Amino acid sequence: MLKYLVLIVLSLLLLTGCSTKGNPSYKKQKNITYIKKSNNYVRNALYKEFKKWDSTQYKFGGENFNGVDCSSLIQTIYRDAFSIQLPRTTKEQVKKGYKVARKNLRDGDLVFFKTGYNTRHTGIIIENYKFIHASQKHGVTISSLYNPYWREKYWQARRLLP
């Protein structure tokens, strides 16, 4: 019985992920609870920010609700939720804070991916290995690090919050 339950959970994880380059198993989550009933200030602040940005389209170099790229989204969320100023680019953001092992990720950690030869992508952990980011295909969304695309492209994580 446990084997079947694990198989079902893994299948669901594969079907709910997204990626910046076409992922046929992507399914948009329609009923996301934005403010979780939690004592976790960081998580609640991140859900509040996500609610503002949810489904905003991706635009390279974009910095507002008409279109935003991944590093600008991260910069804006950190500024608005935590009053922390981050650099504008992923290349500079990855130099901030300190490295954290994937197994030790927590809400608010930044995650970075190598999505191409010289292309980098970033997001913010919101809970349980899920992260907020600006996807080229789906706009601002929440994805899972367990998604095969993101698991393969994962590069490193950085912690800036205490």
N, C-alpha and C. Protein backbone atom coordinates (compact mmCIF):
# COMPACT_ATOMS: atom_id res chain seq x y z
N MET A 1 0.82 -1.19 0.00
CA MET A 1 0.00 0.00 0.00
C MET A 1 0.87 1.26 0.00
N LEU A 2 1.91 1.25 0.83
CA LEU A 2 2.80 2.40 0.90
C LEU A 2 3.50 2.64 -0.44
N LYS A 3 3.85 1.55 -1.14
CA LYS A 3 4.48 1.67 -2.45
C LYS A 3 3.58 2.44 -3.42
N TYR A 4 2.30 2.12 -3.41
CA TYR A 4 1.35 2.76 -4.31
C TYR A 4 1.16 4.23 -3.96
N LEU A 5 1.13 4.54 -2.67
CA LEU A 5 0.98 5.91 -2.23
C LEU A 5 2.18 6.75 -2.67
N VAL A 6 3.38 6.23 -2.50
CA VAL A 6 4.60 6.93 -2.93
C VAL A 6 4.58 7.14 -4.44
N LEU A 7 4.17 6.13 -5.19
CA LEU A 7 4.09 6.24 -6.65
C LEU A 7 3.09 7.31 -7.06
N ILE A 8 1.97 7.39 -6.40
CA ILE A 8 0.96 8.40 -6.72
C ILE A 8 1.49 9.79 -6.42
N VAL A 9 2.12 9.97 -5.26
CA VAL A 9 2.66 11.28 -4.89
C VAL A 9 3.74 11.71 -5.89
N LEU A 10 4.63 10.83 -6.24
CA LEU A 10 5.68 11.18 -7.22
C LEU A 10 5.06 11.52 -8.57
N SER A 11 4.05 10.80 -8.99
CA SER A 11 3.38 11.09 -10.26
C SER A 11 2.75 12.47 -10.22
N LEU A 12 2.11 12.81 -9.11
CA LEU A 12 1.49 14.13 -8.99
C LEU A 12 2.53 15.24 -9.02
N LEU A 13 3.66 15.03 -8.38
CA LEU A 13 4.72 16.04 -8.41
C LEU A 13 5.21 16.28 -9.84
N LEU A 14 5.35 15.24 -10.60
CA LEU A 14 5.80 15.38 -11.98
C LEU A 14 4.77 16.12 -12.82
N LEU A 15 3.50 15.94 -12.52
CA LEU A 15 2.45 16.57 -13.31
C LEU A 15 2.20 18.03 -12.95
N THR A 16 2.64 18.47 -11.78
CA THR A 16 2.31 19.83 -11.36
C THR A 16 3.44 20.82 -11.54
N GLY A 17 4.60 20.41 -12.01
CA GLY A 17 5.73 21.32 -12.14
C GLY A 17 5.62 22.22 -13.34
N CYS A 18 6.53 23.17 -13.42
CA CYS A 18 6.61 24.02 -14.61
C CYS A 18 8.07 24.24 -14.92
N SER A 19 8.35 24.75 -16.09
CA SER A 19 9.72 25.09 -16.44
C SER A 19 9.68 26.27 -17.37
N THR A 20 10.84 26.88 -17.58
CA THR A 20 10.89 28.02 -18.47
C THR A 20 10.84 27.60 -19.93
N LYS A 21 11.22 26.42 -20.22
CA LYS A 21 11.12 25.88 -21.58
C LYS A 21 10.08 24.78 -21.54
N GLY A 22 9.23 24.73 -22.51
CA GLY A 22 8.07 23.85 -22.55
C GLY A 22 8.13 22.59 -21.71
N ASN A 23 7.23 22.47 -20.80
CA ASN A 23 7.13 21.29 -19.96
C ASN A 23 5.73 20.73 -20.15
N PRO A 24 5.57 19.63 -20.88
CA PRO A 24 4.25 19.14 -21.20
C PRO A 24 3.45 18.71 -19.99
N SER A 25 4.07 18.50 -18.85
CA SER A 25 3.33 18.05 -17.68
C SER A 25 2.87 19.22 -16.81
N TYR A 26 3.04 20.46 -17.28
CA TYR A 26 2.68 21.62 -16.48
C TYR A 26 1.17 21.72 -16.33
N LYS A 27 0.72 21.96 -15.11
CA LYS A 27 -0.68 22.26 -14.85
C LYS A 27 -0.71 23.46 -13.91
N LYS A 28 -1.39 24.52 -14.32
CA LYS A 28 -1.49 25.73 -13.51
C LYS A 28 -2.35 25.45 -12.28
N GLN A 29 -1.86 25.83 -11.12
CA GLN A 29 -2.64 25.67 -9.90
C GLN A 29 -3.60 26.84 -9.79
N LYS A 30 -4.89 26.58 -9.75
CA LYS A 30 -5.89 27.63 -9.70
C LYS A 30 -6.27 28.02 -8.28
N ASN A 31 -6.21 27.10 -7.35
CA ASN A 31 -6.70 27.35 -6.00
C ASN A 31 -5.58 27.44 -4.99
N ILE A 32 -4.63 28.29 -5.22
CA ILE A 32 -3.51 28.46 -4.29
C ILE A 32 -4.00 29.30 -3.12
N THR A 33 -3.76 28.85 -1.92
CA THR A 33 -4.05 29.63 -0.74
C THR A 33 -2.87 30.57 -0.53
N TYR A 34 -3.09 31.85 -0.70
CA TYR A 34 -2.00 32.80 -0.69
C TYR A 34 -1.43 33.04 0.71
N ILE A 35 -2.29 33.24 1.68
CA ILE A 35 -1.81 33.46 3.03
C ILE A 35 -2.11 32.20 3.83
N LYS A 36 -1.09 31.42 4.04
CA LYS A 36 -1.24 30.18 4.78
C LYS A 36 -1.48 30.50 6.26
N LYS A 37 -2.26 29.67 6.92
CA LYS A 37 -2.45 29.82 8.36
C LYS A 37 -1.20 29.26 9.02
N SER A 38 -0.29 30.15 9.33
CA SER A 38 1.01 29.76 9.84
C SER A 38 1.55 30.88 10.70
N ASN A 39 2.39 30.53 11.64
CA ASN A 39 3.08 31.53 12.44
C ASN A 39 4.36 31.98 11.75
N ASN A 40 4.60 31.46 10.54
CA ASN A 40 5.82 31.75 9.82
C ASN A 40 5.70 33.10 9.10
N TYR A 41 6.30 34.15 9.67
CA TYR A 41 6.23 35.49 9.11
C TYR A 41 6.77 35.52 7.67
N VAL A 42 7.89 34.87 7.44
CA VAL A 42 8.51 34.90 6.11
C VAL A 42 7.57 34.28 5.07
N ARG A 43 7.03 33.11 5.36
CA ARG A 43 6.13 32.44 4.41
C ARG A 43 4.90 33.31 4.13
N ASN A 44 4.31 33.88 5.17
CA ASN A 44 3.13 34.72 4.97
C ASN A 44 3.46 35.95 4.12
N ALA A 45 4.61 36.55 4.36
CA ALA A 45 5.02 37.72 3.57
C ALA A 45 5.24 37.32 2.11
N LEU A 46 5.81 36.14 1.88
CA LEU A 46 6.05 35.69 0.50
C LEU A 46 4.74 35.38 -0.22
N TYR A 47 3.79 34.76 0.45
CA TYR A 47 2.49 34.50 -0.19
C TYR A 47 1.77 35.81 -0.51
N LYS A 48 1.91 36.78 0.36
CA LYS A 48 1.31 38.10 0.10
C LYS A 48 1.91 38.73 -1.15
N GLU A 49 3.24 38.65 -1.29
CA GLU A 49 3.90 39.17 -2.49
C GLU A 49 3.51 38.37 -3.73
N PHE A 50 3.45 37.05 -3.58
CA PHE A 50 3.06 36.22 -4.73
C PHE A 50 1.68 36.59 -5.23
N LYS A 51 0.77 36.83 -4.32
CA LYS A 51 -0.60 37.20 -4.71
C LYS A 51 -0.59 38.44 -5.60
N LYS A 52 0.28 39.40 -5.30
CA LYS A 52 0.37 40.63 -6.11
C LYS A 52 0.90 40.33 -7.52
N TRP A 53 1.83 39.40 -7.62
CA TRP A 53 2.53 39.15 -8.88
C TRP A 53 2.00 37.96 -9.68
N ASP A 54 1.17 37.12 -9.09
CA ASP A 54 0.69 35.88 -9.70
C ASP A 54 0.25 36.11 -11.15
N SER A 55 0.82 35.32 -12.06
CA SER A 55 0.50 35.30 -13.49
C SER A 55 0.98 36.52 -14.27
N THR A 56 1.72 37.44 -13.63
CA THR A 56 2.32 38.53 -14.39
C THR A 56 3.22 37.91 -15.45
N GLN A 57 3.12 38.38 -16.68
CA GLN A 57 3.89 37.77 -17.76
C GLN A 57 5.39 38.04 -17.61
N TYR A 58 6.18 37.13 -18.17
CA TYR A 58 7.62 37.27 -18.19
C TYR A 58 8.01 38.26 -19.28
N LYS A 59 8.94 39.13 -18.95
CA LYS A 59 9.51 40.05 -19.95
C LYS A 59 10.96 40.27 -19.57
N PHE A 60 11.87 39.89 -20.47
CA PHE A 60 13.29 40.08 -20.21
C PHE A 60 13.55 41.56 -19.95
N GLY A 61 14.15 41.87 -18.81
CA GLY A 61 14.43 43.26 -18.45
C GLY A 61 13.24 43.95 -17.81
N GLY A 62 12.10 43.29 -17.76
CA GLY A 62 10.89 43.89 -17.19
C GLY A 62 11.00 44.06 -15.69
N GLU A 63 10.37 45.12 -15.19
CA GLU A 63 10.46 45.43 -13.77
C GLU A 63 9.13 45.81 -13.14
N ASN A 64 8.01 45.52 -13.82
CA ASN A 64 6.71 45.91 -13.27
C ASN A 64 5.63 44.91 -13.66
N PHE A 65 4.37 45.23 -13.34
CA PHE A 65 3.27 44.30 -13.57
C PHE A 65 2.93 44.11 -15.05
N ASN A 66 3.52 44.91 -15.93
CA ASN A 66 3.35 44.71 -17.37
C ASN A 66 4.28 43.63 -17.90
N GLY A 67 5.24 43.22 -17.09
CA GLY A 67 6.20 42.20 -17.46
C GLY A 67 7.40 42.28 -16.54
N VAL A 68 7.87 41.11 -16.11
CA VAL A 68 8.97 41.09 -15.14
C VAL A 68 9.87 39.90 -15.44
N ASP A 69 11.17 40.05 -15.20
CA ASP A 69 12.05 38.90 -15.34
C ASP A 69 12.38 38.37 -13.94
N CYS A 70 13.07 37.25 -13.90
CA CYS A 70 13.26 36.55 -12.62
C CYS A 70 14.02 37.38 -11.60
N SER A 71 15.10 38.02 -12.00
CA SER A 71 15.92 38.76 -11.02
C SER A 71 15.21 40.02 -10.53
N SER A 72 14.45 40.66 -11.38
CA SER A 72 13.70 41.84 -10.96
C SER A 72 12.59 41.44 -9.98
N LEU A 73 11.94 40.31 -10.24
CA LEU A 73 10.91 39.82 -9.32
C LEU A 73 11.51 39.58 -7.94
N ILE A 74 12.65 38.90 -7.90
CA ILE A 74 13.30 38.59 -6.62
C ILE A 74 13.71 39.89 -5.92
N GLN A 75 14.29 40.80 -6.66
CA GLN A 75 14.70 42.08 -6.10
C GLN A 75 13.51 42.82 -5.49
N THR A 76 12.40 42.85 -6.19
CA THR A 76 11.21 43.57 -5.73
C THR A 76 10.56 42.90 -4.53
N ILE A 77 10.46 41.58 -4.56
CA ILE A 77 9.86 40.87 -3.43
C ILE A 77 10.69 41.08 -2.16
N TYR A 78 12.01 40.97 -2.27
CA TYR A 78 12.86 41.17 -1.10
C TYR A 78 12.75 42.60 -0.57
N ARG A 79 12.68 43.56 -1.47
CA ARG A 79 12.54 44.97 -1.04
C ARG A 79 11.20 45.18 -0.33
N ASP A 80 10.11 44.71 -0.95
CA ASP A 80 8.77 44.98 -0.42
C ASP A 80 8.43 44.14 0.82
N ALA A 81 8.87 42.90 0.85
CA ALA A 81 8.51 42.02 1.97
C ALA A 81 9.45 42.16 3.17
N PHE A 82 10.73 42.42 2.89
CA PHE A 82 11.73 42.37 3.97
C PHE A 82 12.59 43.63 4.09
N SER A 83 12.34 44.63 3.25
CA SER A 83 13.13 45.87 3.24
C SER A 83 14.62 45.59 3.04
N ILE A 84 14.92 44.62 2.19
CA ILE A 84 16.30 44.27 1.87
C ILE A 84 16.56 44.61 0.40
N GLN A 85 17.62 45.38 0.17
CA GLN A 85 17.98 45.78 -1.18
C GLN A 85 18.90 44.73 -1.80
N LEU A 86 18.51 44.21 -2.95
CA LEU A 86 19.33 43.25 -3.70
C LEU A 86 19.75 43.88 -5.01
N PRO A 87 20.86 43.41 -5.58
CA PRO A 87 21.25 43.87 -6.91
C PRO A 87 20.19 43.48 -7.95
N ARG A 88 20.25 44.08 -9.11
CA ARG A 88 19.25 43.87 -10.15
C ARG A 88 19.41 42.55 -10.89
N THR A 89 20.62 42.04 -11.03
CA THR A 89 20.84 40.87 -11.88
C THR A 89 21.08 39.60 -11.08
N THR A 90 20.75 38.47 -11.69
CA THR A 90 21.00 37.17 -11.08
C THR A 90 22.49 37.00 -10.81
N LYS A 91 23.31 37.45 -11.74
CA LYS A 91 24.77 37.34 -11.61
C LYS A 91 25.27 38.01 -10.34
N GLU A 92 24.66 39.12 -9.94
CA GLU A 92 25.06 39.81 -8.72
C GLU A 92 24.32 39.27 -7.49
N GLN A 93 23.07 38.85 -7.66
CA GLN A 93 22.30 38.32 -6.53
C GLN A 93 22.93 37.06 -5.95
N VAL A 94 23.53 36.23 -6.81
CA VAL A 94 24.11 34.96 -6.34
C VAL A 94 25.33 35.18 -5.44
N LYS A 95 25.84 36.39 -5.39
CA LYS A 95 26.98 36.70 -4.54
C LYS A 95 26.57 37.12 -3.13
N LYS A 96 25.28 37.29 -2.90
CA LYS A 96 24.79 37.78 -1.61
C LYS A 96 24.50 36.63 -0.65
N GLY A 97 24.50 36.94 0.63
CA GLY A 97 24.20 35.93 1.64
C GLY A 97 25.27 34.85 1.70
N TYR A 98 24.87 33.67 2.13
CA TYR A 98 25.81 32.55 2.19
C TYR A 98 25.15 31.30 1.64
N LYS A 99 25.99 30.39 1.14
CA LYS A 99 25.49 29.16 0.53
C LYS A 99 24.77 28.28 1.55
N VAL A 100 23.73 27.62 1.07
CA VAL A 100 22.95 26.71 1.89
C VAL A 100 22.78 25.41 1.10
N ALA A 101 22.94 24.28 1.76
CA ALA A 101 22.73 22.99 1.11
C ALA A 101 21.26 22.83 0.75
N ARG A 102 20.99 22.16 -0.35
CA ARG A 102 19.62 21.96 -0.81
C ARG A 102 18.75 21.31 0.28
N LYS A 103 19.33 20.39 1.02
CA LYS A 103 18.57 19.69 2.06
C LYS A 103 18.22 20.59 3.24
N ASN A 104 18.84 21.77 3.33
CA ASN A 104 18.60 22.69 4.45
C ASN A 104 17.81 23.93 4.05
N LEU A 105 17.18 23.92 2.89
CA LEU A 105 16.45 25.10 2.42
C LEU A 105 15.30 25.44 3.34
N ARG A 106 15.05 26.74 3.47
CA ARG A 106 13.89 27.19 4.23
C ARG A 106 13.29 28.42 3.54
N ASP A 107 12.09 28.79 3.98
CA ASP A 107 11.37 29.91 3.39
C ASP A 107 12.26 31.15 3.30
N GLY A 108 12.25 31.79 2.13
CA GLY A 108 13.02 33.01 1.93
C GLY A 108 14.39 32.80 1.30
N ASP A 109 14.88 31.56 1.27
CA ASP A 109 16.18 31.30 0.63
C ASP A 109 16.06 31.52 -0.87
N LEU A 110 17.11 32.04 -1.47
CA LEU A 110 17.15 32.21 -2.92
C LEU A 110 17.71 30.94 -3.55
N VAL A 111 17.10 30.51 -4.63
CA VAL A 111 17.60 29.34 -5.37
C VAL A 111 18.02 29.80 -6.76
N PHE A 112 19.10 29.21 -7.25
CA PHE A 112 19.67 29.59 -8.54
C PHE A 112 19.83 28.36 -9.41
N PHE A 113 19.63 28.58 -10.71
CA PHE A 113 19.67 27.50 -11.68
C PHE A 113 20.54 27.91 -12.86
N LYS A 114 21.21 26.92 -13.45
CA LYS A 114 21.92 27.12 -14.71
C LYS A 114 21.00 26.57 -15.79
N THR A 115 20.34 27.47 -16.53
CA THR A 115 19.35 27.04 -17.53
C THR A 115 19.92 27.02 -18.94
N GLY A 116 21.14 27.46 -19.10
CA GLY A 116 21.80 27.46 -20.40
C GLY A 116 23.28 27.69 -20.19
N TYR A 117 24.03 27.73 -21.27
CA TYR A 117 25.48 27.88 -21.18
C TYR A 117 25.86 29.09 -20.34
N ASN A 118 25.29 30.25 -20.65
CA ASN A 118 25.55 31.46 -19.88
C ASN A 118 24.28 32.03 -19.28
N THR A 119 23.25 31.24 -19.14
CA THR A 119 21.97 31.71 -18.65
C THR A 119 21.71 31.20 -17.25
N ARG A 120 21.31 32.12 -16.37
CA ARG A 120 21.00 31.78 -14.99
C ARG A 120 19.57 32.19 -14.67
N HIS A 121 18.99 31.53 -13.70
CA HIS A 121 17.61 31.78 -13.30
C HIS A 121 17.55 31.76 -11.79
N THR A 122 16.62 32.53 -11.20
CA THR A 122 16.51 32.59 -9.75
C THR A 122 15.07 32.56 -9.28
N GLY A 123 14.90 32.13 -8.04
CA GLY A 123 13.58 32.10 -7.41
C GLY A 123 13.75 32.17 -5.90
N ILE A 124 12.62 32.20 -5.19
CA ILE A 124 12.62 32.28 -3.72
C ILE A 124 11.85 31.09 -3.17
N ILE A 125 12.47 30.37 -2.25
CA ILE A 125 11.78 29.25 -1.60
C ILE A 125 10.62 29.80 -0.78
N ILE A 126 9.44 29.18 -0.96
CA ILE A 126 8.27 29.62 -0.20
C ILE A 126 7.84 28.57 0.83
N GLU A 127 8.00 27.30 0.51
CA GLU A 127 7.74 26.24 1.48
C GLU A 127 7.94 24.89 0.81
N ASN A 128 8.35 23.92 1.59
CA ASN A 128 8.43 22.52 1.13
C ASN A 128 9.03 22.37 -0.26
N TYR A 129 10.17 23.00 -0.51
CA TYR A 129 10.88 22.89 -1.78
C TYR A 129 10.08 23.45 -2.96
N LYS A 130 9.18 24.38 -2.68
CA LYS A 130 8.48 25.12 -3.73
C LYS A 130 9.10 26.50 -3.79
N PHE A 131 9.11 27.09 -4.98
CA PHE A 131 9.72 28.41 -5.11
C PHE A 131 8.92 29.30 -6.04
N ILE A 132 8.94 30.60 -5.74
CA ILE A 132 8.32 31.62 -6.57
C ILE A 132 9.36 32.05 -7.60
N HIS A 133 8.93 32.20 -8.84
CA HIS A 133 9.85 32.70 -9.87
C HIS A 133 9.06 33.22 -11.06
N ALA A 134 9.76 33.86 -11.98
CA ALA A 134 9.15 34.36 -13.21
C ALA A 134 9.58 33.43 -14.34
N SER A 135 8.66 32.60 -14.78
CA SER A 135 8.90 31.64 -15.85
C SER A 135 8.67 32.30 -17.21
N GLN A 136 9.54 32.03 -18.16
CA GLN A 136 9.37 32.59 -19.50
C GLN A 136 8.05 32.16 -20.11
N LYS A 137 7.64 30.95 -19.87
CA LYS A 137 6.43 30.41 -20.48
C LYS A 137 5.16 30.73 -19.70
N HIS A 138 5.24 30.72 -18.36
CA HIS A 138 4.03 30.82 -17.54
C HIS A 138 3.96 32.09 -16.70
N GLY A 139 4.94 32.97 -16.81
CA GLY A 139 4.92 34.17 -16.00
C GLY A 139 5.25 33.85 -14.54
N VAL A 140 4.84 34.72 -13.64
CA VAL A 140 5.13 34.52 -12.22
C VAL A 140 4.28 33.36 -11.72
N THR A 141 4.96 32.39 -11.13
CA THR A 141 4.31 31.15 -10.73
C THR A 141 5.07 30.53 -9.57
N ILE A 142 4.53 29.43 -9.07
CA ILE A 142 5.22 28.64 -8.04
C ILE A 142 5.52 27.28 -8.65
N SER A 143 6.76 26.84 -8.51
CA SER A 143 7.19 25.54 -9.03
C SER A 143 7.84 24.74 -7.92
N SER A 144 8.08 23.48 -8.20
CA SER A 144 8.70 22.58 -7.23
C SER A 144 10.13 22.24 -7.65
N LEU A 145 11.01 22.21 -6.67
CA LEU A 145 12.39 21.76 -6.93
C LEU A 145 12.41 20.28 -7.29
N TYR A 146 11.34 19.56 -6.99
CA TYR A 146 11.26 18.14 -7.35
C TYR A 146 10.93 17.94 -8.83
N ASN A 147 10.49 18.99 -9.50
CA ASN A 147 10.23 18.90 -10.93
C ASN A 147 11.54 18.50 -11.62
N PRO A 148 11.52 17.50 -12.50
CA PRO A 148 12.76 17.03 -13.13
C PRO A 148 13.56 18.15 -13.82
N TYR A 149 12.87 19.08 -14.45
CA TYR A 149 13.57 20.18 -15.12
C TYR A 149 14.39 20.98 -14.11
N TRP A 150 13.75 21.42 -13.02
CA TRP A 150 14.44 22.25 -12.03
C TRP A 150 15.46 21.45 -11.25
N ARG A 151 15.18 20.19 -10.98
CA ARG A 151 16.15 19.35 -10.27
C ARG A 151 17.44 19.23 -11.07
N GLU A 152 17.31 19.09 -12.38
CA GLU A 152 18.48 18.96 -13.26
C GLU A 152 19.25 20.28 -13.39
N LYS A 153 18.55 21.40 -13.38
CA LYS A 153 19.17 22.72 -13.60
C LYS A 153 19.65 23.39 -12.30
N TYR A 154 19.30 22.80 -11.16
CA TYR A 154 19.65 23.40 -9.87
C TYR A 154 21.15 23.66 -9.79
N TRP A 155 21.51 24.84 -9.28
CA TRP A 155 22.91 25.23 -9.18
C TRP A 155 23.30 25.41 -7.71
N GLN A 156 22.62 26.34 -7.02
CA GLN A 156 22.94 26.60 -5.62
C GLN A 156 21.83 27.39 -4.96
N ALA A 157 21.92 27.52 -3.64
CA ALA A 157 20.98 28.34 -2.87
C ALA A 157 21.77 29.26 -1.96
N ARG A 158 21.16 30.40 -1.65
CA ARG A 158 21.80 31.39 -0.78
C ARG A 158 20.78 31.84 0.27
N ARG A 159 21.27 32.05 1.48
CA ARG A 159 20.42 32.54 2.56
C ARG A 159 20.80 33.97 2.90
N LEU A 160 19.80 34.84 2.90
CA LEU A 160 20.01 36.24 3.26
C LEU A 160 19.27 36.61 4.54
N LEU A 161 18.21 35.90 4.85
CA LEU A 161 17.41 36.21 6.04
C LEU A 161 18.00 35.50 7.26
N PRO A 162 17.86 36.13 8.42
CA PRO A 162 18.38 35.51 9.65
C PRO A 162 17.61 34.24 10.02
